[in-house]
Amino acid sequence: MAGMSPIFRRSGRRTENSEPRERLVTLIGKPDCHLCEDAQDVVERVCGDLGVPWEKKDITQDEELHRAYWEEIPVVLVDGAQHTFWRVDEERLRRALTS
């Protein structure tokens, strides 16, 4: 399906602080972006550790995302709300997903 992004589900261990509710992390970026690659490494690691699904969206394939975020990529959303942009702090993302 055009416009659909895969959701990556990684099994991982749950920490005592993680809640059983379903979470979703969205990484918005573009190809050939070194900050996007760095952000993806952090998102993969944190989501993998916590068993949280994540998806990747490309602003070059979505005009609405391009208009909203082109100056801020990479952008990370947690449950649809903007969490951060440019650089992803691993501990801050981990706290957001376990609080």
PDB file of N, CA and C in Angstrom:
ATOM      1  N   MET A   1       0.834  -1.186   0.000  1.00  0.00           N
ATOM      2  CA  MET A   1       0.000   0.000   0.000  1.00  0.00           C
ATOM      3  C   MET A   1       0.877   1.248   0.000  1.00  0.00           C
ATOM      4  N   ALA A   2       0.607   2.139  -0.897  1.00  0.00           N
ATOM      5  CA  ALA A   2       1.393   3.370  -0.981  1.00  0.00           C
ATOM      6  C   ALA A   2       1.144   4.237   0.241  1.00  0.00           C
ATOM      7  N   GLY A   3       2.188   4.877   0.715  1.00  0.00           N
ATOM      8  CA  GLY A   3       2.050   5.783   1.848  1.00  0.00           C
ATOM      9  C   GLY A   3       2.067   5.110   3.207  1.00  0.00           C
ATOM     10  N   MET A   4       2.081   3.793   3.211  1.00  0.00           N
ATOM     11  CA  MET A   4       2.086   3.080   4.485  1.00  0.00           C
ATOM     12  C   MET A   4       3.524   2.792   4.885  1.00  0.00           C
ATOM     13  N   SER A   5       3.818   2.942   6.136  1.00  0.00           N
ATOM     14  CA  SER A   5       5.149   2.645   6.649  1.00  0.00           C
ATOM     15  C   SER A   5       5.091   1.383   7.477  1.00  0.00           C
ATOM     16  N   PRO A   6       6.153   0.593   7.411  1.00  0.00           N
ATOM     17  CA  PRO A   6       6.154  -0.609   8.242  1.00  0.00           C
ATOM     18  C   PRO A   6       6.303  -0.237   9.709  1.00  0.00           C
ATOM     19  N   ILE A   7       5.725  -1.042  10.554  1.00  0.00           N
ATOM     20  CA  ILE A   7       5.913  -0.881  11.991  1.00  0.00           C
ATOM     21  C   ILE A   7       6.857  -1.988  12.429  1.00  0.00           C
ATOM     22  N   PHE A   8       7.927  -1.591  13.065  1.00  0.00           N
ATOM     23  CA  PHE A   8       8.933  -2.547  13.500  1.00  0.00           C
ATOM     24  C   PHE A   8       8.627  -2.958  14.927  1.00  0.00           C
ATOM     25  N   ARG A   9       8.421  -4.225  15.135  1.00  0.00           N
ATOM     26  CA  ARG A   9       8.166  -4.734  16.479  1.00  0.00           C
ATOM     27  C   ARG A   9       9.374  -5.550  16.893  1.00  0.00           C
ATOM     28  N   ARG A  10       9.900  -5.202  17.992  1.00  0.00           N
ATOM     29  CA  ARG A  10      11.062  -5.915  18.515  1.00  0.00           C
ATOM     30  C   ARG A  10      10.678  -6.476  19.877  1.00  0.00           C
ATOM     31  N   SER A  11      10.960  -7.744  20.060  1.00  0.00           N
ATOM     32  CA  SER A  11      10.730  -8.276  21.388  1.00  0.00           C
ATOM     33  C   SER A  11      11.870  -7.792  22.262  1.00  0.00           C
ATOM     34  N   GLY A  12      11.563  -7.485  23.462  1.00  0.00           N
ATOM     35  CA  GLY A  12      12.574  -6.990  24.375  1.00  0.00           C
ATOM     36  C   GLY A  12      12.139  -7.254  25.797  1.00  0.00           C
ATOM     37  N   ARG A  13      13.018  -6.964  26.684  1.00  0.00           N
ATOM     38  CA  ARG A  13      12.663  -7.192  28.079  1.00  0.00           C
ATOM     39  C   ARG A  13      11.917  -5.976  28.617  1.00  0.00           C
ATOM     40  N   ARG A  14      11.014  -6.213  29.515  1.00  0.00           N
ATOM     41  CA  ARG A  14      10.275  -5.150  30.175  1.00  0.00           C
ATOM     42  C   ARG A  14      11.014  -4.764  31.440  1.00  0.00           C
ATOM     43  N   THR A  15      11.048  -3.487  31.692  1.00  0.00           N
ATOM     44  CA  THR A  15      11.634  -3.037  32.944  1.00  0.00           C
ATOM     45  C   THR A  15      10.521  -2.910  33.967  1.00  0.00           C
ATOM     46  N   GLU A  16      10.883  -2.801  35.215  1.00  0.00           N
ATOM     47  CA  GLU A  16       9.868  -2.669  36.257  1.00  0.00           C
ATOM     48  C   GLU A  16       9.009  -1.438  36.062  1.00  0.00           C
ATOM     49  N   ASN A  17       9.573  -0.380  35.478  1.00  0.00           N
ATOM     50  CA  ASN A  17       8.851   0.874  35.313  1.00  0.00           C
ATOM     51  C   ASN A  17       7.962   0.906  34.079  1.00  0.00           C
ATOM     52  N   SER A  18       8.119  -0.041  33.147  1.00  0.00           N
ATOM     53  CA  SER A  18       7.336   0.051  31.922  1.00  0.00           C
ATOM     54  C   SER A  18       5.904  -0.377  32.169  1.00  0.00           C
ATOM     55  N   GLU A  19       5.024   0.327  31.503  1.00  0.00           N
ATOM     56  CA  GLU A  19       3.597   0.069  31.662  1.00  0.00           C
ATOM     57  C   GLU A  19       3.148  -0.892  30.578  1.00  0.00           C
ATOM     58  N   PRO A  20       2.094  -1.650  30.813  1.00  0.00           N
ATOM     59  CA  PRO A  20       1.659  -2.642  29.841  1.00  0.00           C
ATOM     60  C   PRO A  20       0.938  -2.047  28.636  1.00  0.00           C
ATOM     61  N   ARG A  21       0.621  -0.755  28.644  1.00  0.00           N
ATOM     62  CA  ARG A  21      -0.115  -0.169  27.530  1.00  0.00           C
ATOM     63  C   ARG A  21       0.734  -0.151  26.261  1.00  0.00           C
ATOM     64  N   GLU A  22       0.072  -0.195  25.133  1.00  0.00           N
ATOM     65  CA  GLU A  22       0.751  -0.176  23.842  1.00  0.00           C
ATOM     66  C   GLU A  22       1.222   1.233  23.517  1.00  0.00           C
ATOM     67  N   ARG A  23       2.457   1.356  23.119  1.00  0.00           N
ATOM     68  CA  ARG A  23       3.066   2.638  22.756  1.00  0.00           C
ATOM     69  C   ARG A  23       3.467   2.553  21.291  1.00  0.00           C
ATOM     70  N   LEU A  24       3.722   3.689  20.669  1.00  0.00           N
ATOM     71  CA  LEU A  24       4.225   3.721  19.301  1.00  0.00           C
ATOM     72  C   LEU A  24       5.175   4.898  19.153  1.00  0.00           C
ATOM     73  N   VAL A  25       6.360   4.615  18.650  1.00  0.00           N
ATOM     74  CA  VAL A  25       7.351   5.653  18.350  1.00  0.00           C
ATOM     75  C   VAL A  25       7.400   5.797  16.833  1.00  0.00           C
ATOM     76  N   THR A  26       7.364   7.036  16.358  1.00  0.00           N
ATOM     77  CA  THR A  26       7.454   7.324  14.936  1.00  0.00           C
ATOM     78  C   THR A  26       8.706   8.156  14.694  1.00  0.00           C
ATOM     79  N   LEU A  27       9.541   7.709  13.783  1.00  0.00           N
ATOM     80  CA  LEU A  27      10.734   8.436  13.387  1.00  0.00           C
ATOM     81  C   LEU A  27      10.474   9.033  12.013  1.00  0.00           C
ATOM     82  N   ILE A  28      10.540  10.346  11.918  1.00  0.00           N
ATOM     83  CA  ILE A  28      10.308  11.045  10.653  1.00  0.00           C
ATOM     84  C   ILE A  28      11.648  11.587  10.168  1.00  0.00           C
ATOM     85  N   GLY A  29      12.017  11.211   8.967  1.00  0.00           N
ATOM     86  CA  GLY A  29      13.292  11.643   8.422  1.00  0.00           C
ATOM     87  C   GLY A  29      13.289  11.578   6.914  1.00  0.00           C
ATOM     88  N   LYS A  30      14.496  11.475   6.346  1.00  0.00           N
ATOM     89  CA  LYS A  30      14.645  11.350   4.897  1.00  0.00           C
ATOM     90  C   LYS A  30      15.898  10.539   4.612  1.00  0.00           C
ATOM     91  N   PRO A  31      16.005  10.003   3.399  1.00  0.00           N
ATOM     92  CA  PRO A  31      17.184   9.231   3.026  1.00  0.00           C
ATOM     93  C   PRO A  31      18.449  10.100   3.021  1.00  0.00           C
ATOM     94  N   ASP A  32      19.582   9.464   3.233  1.00  0.00           N
ATOM     95  CA  ASP A  32      20.895  10.115   3.172  1.00  0.00           C
ATOM     96  C   ASP A  32      21.029  11.263   4.166  1.00  0.00           C
ATOM     97  N   CYS A  33      20.480  11.093   5.339  1.00  0.00           N
ATOM     98  CA  CYS A  33      20.534  12.097   6.407  1.00  0.00           C
ATOM     99  C   CYS A  33      21.272  11.464   7.583  1.00  0.00           C
ATOM    100  N   HIS A  34      22.477  11.948   7.882  1.00  0.00           N
ATOM    101  CA  HIS A  34      23.260  11.304   8.947  1.00  0.00           C
ATOM    102  C   HIS A  34      22.601  11.461  10.316  1.00  0.00           C
ATOM    103  N   LEU A  35      21.925  12.579  10.574  1.00  0.00           N
ATOM    104  CA  LEU A  35      21.219  12.722  11.853  1.00  0.00           C
ATOM    105  C   LEU A  35      20.059  11.731  11.944  1.00  0.00           C
ATOM    106  N   CYS A  36      19.407  11.471  10.799  1.00  0.00           N
ATOM    107  CA  CYS A  36      18.304  10.500  10.778  1.00  0.00           C
ATOM    108  C   CYS A  36      18.823   9.100  11.078  1.00  0.00           C
ATOM    109  N   GLU A  37      19.983   8.775  10.537  1.00  0.00           N
ATOM    110  CA  GLU A  37      20.586   7.464  10.806  1.00  0.00           C
ATOM    111  C   GLU A  37      20.956   7.332  12.279  1.00  0.00           C
ATOM    112  N   ASP A  38      21.509   8.396  12.847  1.00  0.00           N
ATOM    113  CA  ASP A  38      21.845   8.384  14.280  1.00  0.00           C
ATOM    114  C   ASP A  38      20.580   8.220  15.117  1.00  0.00           C
ATOM    115  N   ALA A  39      19.528   8.947  14.755  1.00  0.00           N
ATOM    116  CA  ALA A  39      18.263   8.860  15.486  1.00  0.00           C
ATOM    117  C   ALA A  39      17.684   7.454  15.391  1.00  0.00           C
ATOM    118  N   GLN A  40      17.768   6.845  14.214  1.00  0.00           N
ATOM    119  CA  GLN A  40      17.241   5.497  14.048  1.00  0.00           C
ATOM    120  C   GLN A  40      17.979   4.502  14.935  1.00  0.00           C
ATOM    121  N   ASP A  41      19.284   4.662  15.062  1.00  0.00           N
ATOM    122  CA  ASP A  41      20.054   3.775  15.944  1.00  0.00           C
ATOM    123  C   ASP A  41      19.526   3.854  17.377  1.00  0.00           C
ATOM    124  N   VAL A  42      19.257   5.063  17.856  1.00  0.00           N
ATOM    125  CA  VAL A  42      18.750   5.246  19.222  1.00  0.00           C
ATOM    126  C   VAL A  42      17.347   4.671  19.343  1.00  0.00           C
ATOM    127  N   VAL A  43      16.474   4.980  18.385  1.00  0.00           N
ATOM    128  CA  VAL A  43      15.092   4.483  18.433  1.00  0.00           C
ATOM    129  C   VAL A  43      15.086   2.955  18.404  1.00  0.00           C
ATOM    130  N   GLU A  44      15.861   2.359  17.528  1.00  0.00           N
ATOM    131  CA  GLU A  44      15.923   0.887  17.460  1.00  0.00           C
ATOM    132  C   GLU A  44      16.382   0.284  18.782  1.00  0.00           C
ATOM    133  N   ARG A  45      17.403   0.867  19.376  1.00  0.00           N
ATOM    134  CA  ARG A  45      17.955   0.336  20.624  1.00  0.00           C
ATOM    135  C   ARG A  45      16.934   0.449  21.764  1.00  0.00           C
ATOM    136  N   VAL A  46      16.368   1.635  21.951  1.00  0.00           N
ATOM    137  CA  VAL A  46      15.436   1.861  23.060  1.00  0.00           C
ATOM    138  C   VAL A  46      14.163   1.044  22.859  1.00  0.00           C
ATOM    139  N   CYS A  47      13.592   1.107  21.671  1.00  0.00           N
ATOM    140  CA  CYS A  47      12.357   0.352  21.420  1.00  0.00           C
ATOM    141  C   CYS A  47      12.600  -1.144  21.505  1.00  0.00           C
ATOM    142  N   GLY A  48      13.752  -1.598  21.038  1.00  0.00           N
ATOM    143  CA  GLY A  48      14.090  -3.015  21.149  1.00  0.00           C
ATOM    144  C   GLY A  48      14.215  -3.457  22.592  1.00  0.00           C
ATOM    145  N   ASP A  49      14.873  -2.641  23.409  1.00  0.00           N
ATOM    146  CA  ASP A  49      15.022  -2.976  24.831  1.00  0.00           C
ATOM    147  C   ASP A  49      13.679  -3.043  25.541  1.00  0.00           C
ATOM    148  N   LEU A  50      12.773  -2.131  25.180  1.00  0.00           N
ATOM    149  CA  LEU A  50      11.494  -2.021  25.890  1.00  0.00           C
ATOM    150  C   LEU A  50      10.355  -2.780  25.217  1.00  0.00           C
ATOM    151  N   GLY A  51      10.596  -3.346  24.047  1.00  0.00           N
ATOM    152  CA  GLY A  51       9.541  -4.054  23.330  1.00  0.00           C
ATOM    153  C   GLY A  51       8.470  -3.118  22.792  1.00  0.00           C
ATOM    154  N   VAL A  52       8.848  -1.900  22.457  1.00  0.00           N
ATOM    155  CA  VAL A  52       7.906  -0.894  21.950  1.00  0.00           C
ATOM    156  C   VAL A  52       7.967  -0.877  20.423  1.00  0.00           C
ATOM    157  N   PRO A  53       6.825  -0.942  19.737  1.00  0.00           N
ATOM    158  CA  PRO A  53       6.844  -0.871  18.276  1.00  0.00           C
ATOM    159  C   PRO A  53       7.222   0.535  17.807  1.00  0.00           C
ATOM    160  N   TRP A  54       7.856   0.582  16.633  1.00  0.00           N
ATOM    161  CA  TRP A  54       8.208   1.869  16.047  1.00  0.00           C
ATOM    162  C   TRP A  54       8.023   1.801  14.538  1.00  0.00           C
ATOM    163  N   GLU A  55       7.870   2.974  13.952  1.00  0.00           N
ATOM    164  CA  GLU A  55       7.717   3.066  12.511  1.00  0.00           C
ATOM    165  C   GLU A  55       8.587   4.197  11.990  1.00  0.00           C
ATOM    166  N   LYS A  56       8.911   4.119  10.718  1.00  0.00           N
ATOM    167  CA  LYS A  56       9.757   5.115  10.083  1.00  0.00           C
ATOM    168  C   LYS A  56       8.964   5.744   8.939  1.00  0.00           C
ATOM    169  N   LYS A  57       8.954   7.070   8.886  1.00  0.00           N
ATOM    170  CA  LYS A  57       8.261   7.781   7.815  1.00  0.00           C
ATOM    171  C   LYS A  57       9.240   8.710   7.109  1.00  0.00           C
ATOM    172  N   ASP A  58       9.103   8.806   5.802  1.00  0.00           N
ATOM    173  CA  ASP A  58      10.011   9.554   4.935  1.00  0.00           C
ATOM    174  C   ASP A  58       9.313  10.832   4.465  1.00  0.00           C
ATOM    175  N   ILE A  59       9.885  11.991   4.801  1.00  0.00           N
ATOM    176  CA  ILE A  59       9.237  13.254   4.410  1.00  0.00           C
ATOM    177  C   ILE A  59       9.282  13.482   2.902  1.00  0.00           C
ATOM    178  N   THR A  60      10.158  12.787   2.196  1.00  0.00           N
ATOM    179  CA  THR A  60      10.199  12.960   0.748  1.00  0.00           C
ATOM    180  C   THR A  60       9.050  12.231   0.064  1.00  0.00           C
ATOM    181  N   GLN A  61       8.350  11.391   0.808  1.00  0.00           N
ATOM    182  CA  GLN A  61       7.229  10.627   0.261  1.00  0.00           C
ATOM    183  C   GLN A  61       5.871  11.114   0.772  1.00  0.00           C
ATOM    184  N   ASP A  62       5.872  12.148   1.605  1.00  0.00           N
ATOM    185  CA  ASP A  62       4.631  12.606   2.228  1.00  0.00           C
ATOM    186  C   ASP A  62       4.666  14.138   2.329  1.00  0.00           C
ATOM    187  N   GLU A  63       3.887  14.802   1.489  1.00  0.00           N
ATOM    188  CA  GLU A  63       3.899  16.261   1.421  1.00  0.00           C
ATOM    189  C   GLU A  63       3.503  16.908   2.749  1.00  0.00           C
ATOM    190  N   GLU A  64       2.535  16.342   3.442  1.00  0.00           N
ATOM    191  CA  GLU A  64       2.101  16.903   4.724  1.00  0.00           C
ATOM    192  C   GLU A  64       3.226  16.836   5.768  1.00  0.00           C
ATOM    193  N   LEU A  65       3.896  15.700   5.854  1.00  0.00           N
ATOM    194  CA  LEU A  65       5.029  15.577   6.775  1.00  0.00           C
ATOM    195  C   LEU A  65       6.155  16.524   6.371  1.00  0.00           C
ATOM    196  N   HIS A  66       6.392  16.661   5.078  1.00  0.00           N
ATOM    197  CA  HIS A  66       7.439  17.563   4.593  1.00  0.00           C
ATOM    198  C   HIS A  66       7.165  18.992   5.037  1.00  0.00           C
ATOM    199  N   ARG A  67       5.929  19.455   4.840  1.00  0.00           N
ATOM    200  CA  ARG A  67       5.563  20.819   5.258  1.00  0.00           C
ATOM    201  C   ARG A  67       5.718  21.001   6.762  1.00  0.00           C
ATOM    202  N   ALA A  68       5.332  20.016   7.519  1.00  0.00           N
ATOM    203  CA  ALA A  68       5.330  20.136   8.984  1.00  0.00           C
ATOM    204  C   ALA A  68       6.728  20.047   9.590  1.00  0.00           C
ATOM    205  N   TYR A  69       7.604  19.232   9.011  1.00  0.00           N
ATOM    206  CA  TYR A  69       8.841  18.893   9.718  1.00  0.00           C
ATOM    207  C   TYR A  69      10.141  19.110   8.952  1.00  0.00           C
ATOM    208  N   TRP A  70      10.136  19.617   7.741  1.00  0.00           N
ATOM    209  CA  TRP A  70      11.358  19.612   6.932  1.00  0.00           C
ATOM    210  C   TRP A  70      12.528  20.337   7.568  1.00  0.00           C
ATOM    211  N   GLU A  71      12.294  21.332   8.396  1.00  0.00           N
ATOM    212  CA  GLU A  71      13.402  22.044   9.041  1.00  0.00           C
ATOM    213  C   GLU A  71      13.868  21.387  10.340  1.00  0.00           C
ATOM    214  N   GLU A  72      13.160  20.365  10.798  1.00  0.00           N
ATOM    215  CA  GLU A  72      13.449  19.773  12.098  1.00  0.00           C
ATOM    216  C   GLU A  72      13.942  18.338  12.041  1.00  0.00           C
ATOM    217  N   ILE A  73      13.988  17.709  10.886  1.00  0.00           N
ATOM    218  CA  ILE A  73      14.291  16.283  10.858  1.00  0.00           C
ATOM    219  C   ILE A  73      15.696  15.985  11.361  1.00  0.00           C
ATOM    220  N   PRO A  74      15.850  14.834  11.978  1.00  0.00           N
ATOM    221  CA  PRO A  74      14.820  13.856  12.278  1.00  0.00           C
ATOM    222  C   PRO A  74      13.926  14.314  13.422  1.00  0.00           C
ATOM    223  N   VAL A  75      12.690  13.872  13.359  1.00  0.00           N
ATOM    224  CA  VAL A  75      11.700  14.157  14.392  1.00  0.00           C
ATOM    225  C   VAL A  75      11.240  12.825  14.964  1.00  0.00           C
ATOM    226  N   VAL A  76      11.091  12.771  16.276  1.00  0.00           N
ATOM    227  CA  VAL A  76      10.575  11.569  16.930  1.00  0.00           C
ATOM    228  C   VAL A  76       9.258  11.926  17.597  1.00  0.00           C
ATOM    229  N   LEU A  77       8.233  11.139  17.280  1.00  0.00           N
ATOM    230  CA  LEU A  77       6.929  11.263  17.924  1.00  0.00           C
ATOM    231  C   LEU A  77       6.750  10.074  18.856  1.00  0.00           C
ATOM    232  N   VAL A  78       6.147  10.314  19.989  1.00  0.00           N
ATOM    233  CA  VAL A  78       5.758   9.238  20.900  1.00  0.00           C
ATOM    234  C   VAL A  78       4.247   9.303  21.016  1.00  0.00           C
ATOM    235  N   ASP A  79       3.600   8.247  20.606  1.00  0.00           N
ATOM    236  CA  ASP A  79       2.133   8.178  20.609  1.00  0.00           C
ATOM    237  C   ASP A  79       1.524   9.363  19.867  1.00  0.00           C
ATOM    238  N   GLY A  80       2.151   9.770  18.758  1.00  0.00           N
ATOM    239  CA  GLY A  80       1.626  10.820  17.904  1.00  0.00           C
ATOM    240  C   GLY A  80       1.994  12.241  18.300  1.00  0.00           C
ATOM    241  N   ALA A  81       2.610  12.431  19.461  1.00  0.00           N
ATOM    242  CA  ALA A  81       3.004  13.767  19.929  1.00  0.00           C
ATOM    243  C   ALA A  81       4.511  13.939  19.741  1.00  0.00           C
ATOM    244  N   GLN A  82       4.924  15.133  19.311  1.00  0.00           N
ATOM    245  CA  GLN A  82       6.344  15.361  19.095  1.00  0.00           C
ATOM    246  C   GLN A  82       7.109  15.240  20.408  1.00  0.00           C
ATOM    247  N   HIS A  83       8.114  14.389  20.385  1.00  0.00           N
ATOM    248  CA  HIS A  83       8.967  14.152  21.550  1.00  0.00           C
ATOM    249  C   HIS A  83      10.258  14.968  21.437  1.00  0.00           C
ATOM    250  N   THR A  84      10.882  14.933  20.268  1.00  0.00           N
ATOM    251  CA  THR A  84      12.148  15.638  20.068  1.00  0.00           C
ATOM    252  C   THR A  84      12.419  15.801  18.589  1.00  0.00           C
ATOM    253  N   PHE A  85      13.473  16.569  18.280  1.00  0.00           N
ATOM    254  CA  PHE A  85      13.942  16.685  16.905  1.00  0.00           C
ATOM    255  C   PHE A  85      15.448  16.900  16.905  1.00  0.00           C
ATOM    256  N   TRP A  86      16.059  16.741  15.737  1.00  0.00           N
ATOM    257  CA  TRP A  86      17.495  16.809  15.469  1.00  0.00           C
ATOM    258  C   TRP A  86      18.277  15.712  16.170  1.00  0.00           C
ATOM    259  N   ARG A  87      18.465  15.789  17.451  1.00  0.00           N
ATOM    260  CA  ARG A  87      19.233  14.759  18.162  1.00  0.00           C
ATOM    261  C   ARG A  87      18.327  14.074  19.192  1.00  0.00           C
ATOM    262  N   VAL A  88      18.417  12.752  19.234  1.00  0.00           N
ATOM    263  CA  VAL A  88      17.568  11.966  20.132  1.00  0.00           C
ATOM    264  C   VAL A  88      18.401  11.560  21.344  1.00  0.00           C
ATOM    265  N   ASP A  89      17.957  11.967  22.518  1.00  0.00           N
ATOM    266  CA  ASP A  89      18.617  11.596  23.757  1.00  0.00           C
ATOM    267  C   ASP A  89      18.048  10.248  24.207  1.00  0.00           C
ATOM    268  N   GLU A  90      18.915   9.248  24.271  1.00  0.00           N
ATOM    269  CA  GLU A  90      18.468   7.890  24.584  1.00  0.00           C
ATOM    270  C   GLU A  90      17.755   7.803  25.929  1.00  0.00           C
ATOM    271  N   GLU A  91      18.321   8.385  26.959  1.00  0.00           N
ATOM    272  CA  GLU A  91      17.711   8.290  28.292  1.00  0.00           C
ATOM    273  C   GLU A  91      16.379   9.037  28.363  1.00  0.00           C
ATOM    274  N   ARG A  92      16.273  10.163  27.685  1.00  0.00           N
ATOM    275  CA  ARG A  92      15.021  10.924  27.683  1.00  0.00           C
ATOM    276  C   ARG A  92      13.917  10.125  26.974  1.00  0.00           C
ATOM    277  N   LEU A  93      14.251   9.482  25.844  1.00  0.00           N
ATOM    278  CA  LEU A  93      13.280   8.657  25.145  1.00  0.00           C
ATOM    279  C   LEU A  93      12.876   7.469  25.999  1.00  0.00           C
ATOM    280  N   ARG A  94      13.830   6.853  26.636  1.00  0.00           N
ATOM    281  CA  ARG A  94      13.556   5.703  27.512  1.00  0.00           C
ATOM    282  C   ARG A  94      12.587   6.107  28.632  1.00  0.00           C
ATOM    283  N   ARG A  95      12.841   7.284  29.252  1.00  0.00           N
ATOM    284  CA  ARG A  95      11.947   7.773  30.315  1.00  0.00           C
ATOM    285  C   ARG A  95      10.546   8.047  29.794  1.00  0.00           C
ATOM    286  N   ALA A  96      10.455   8.623  28.604  1.00  0.00           N
ATOM    287  CA  ALA A  96       9.145   8.920  28.019  1.00  0.00           C
ATOM    288  C   ALA A  96       8.344   7.652  27.783  1.00  0.00           C
ATOM    289  N   LEU A  97       9.015   6.569  27.439  1.00  0.00           N
ATOM    290  CA  LEU A  97       8.316   5.317  27.144  1.00  0.00           C
ATOM    291  C   LEU A  97       8.017   4.482  28.383  1.00  0.00           C
ATOM    292  N   THR A  98       8.626   4.827  29.502  1.00  0.00           N
ATOM    293  CA  THR A  98       8.404   4.035  30.718  1.00  0.00           C
ATOM    294  C   THR A  98       7.674   4.808  31.806  1.00  0.00           C
ATOM    295  N   SER A  99       7.303   6.048  31.514  1.00  0.00           N
ATOM    296  CA  SER A  99       6.590   6.831  32.541  1.00  0.00           C
ATOM    297  C   SER A  99       5.111   6.901  32.244  1.00  0.00           C
TER     298      SER A  99
END
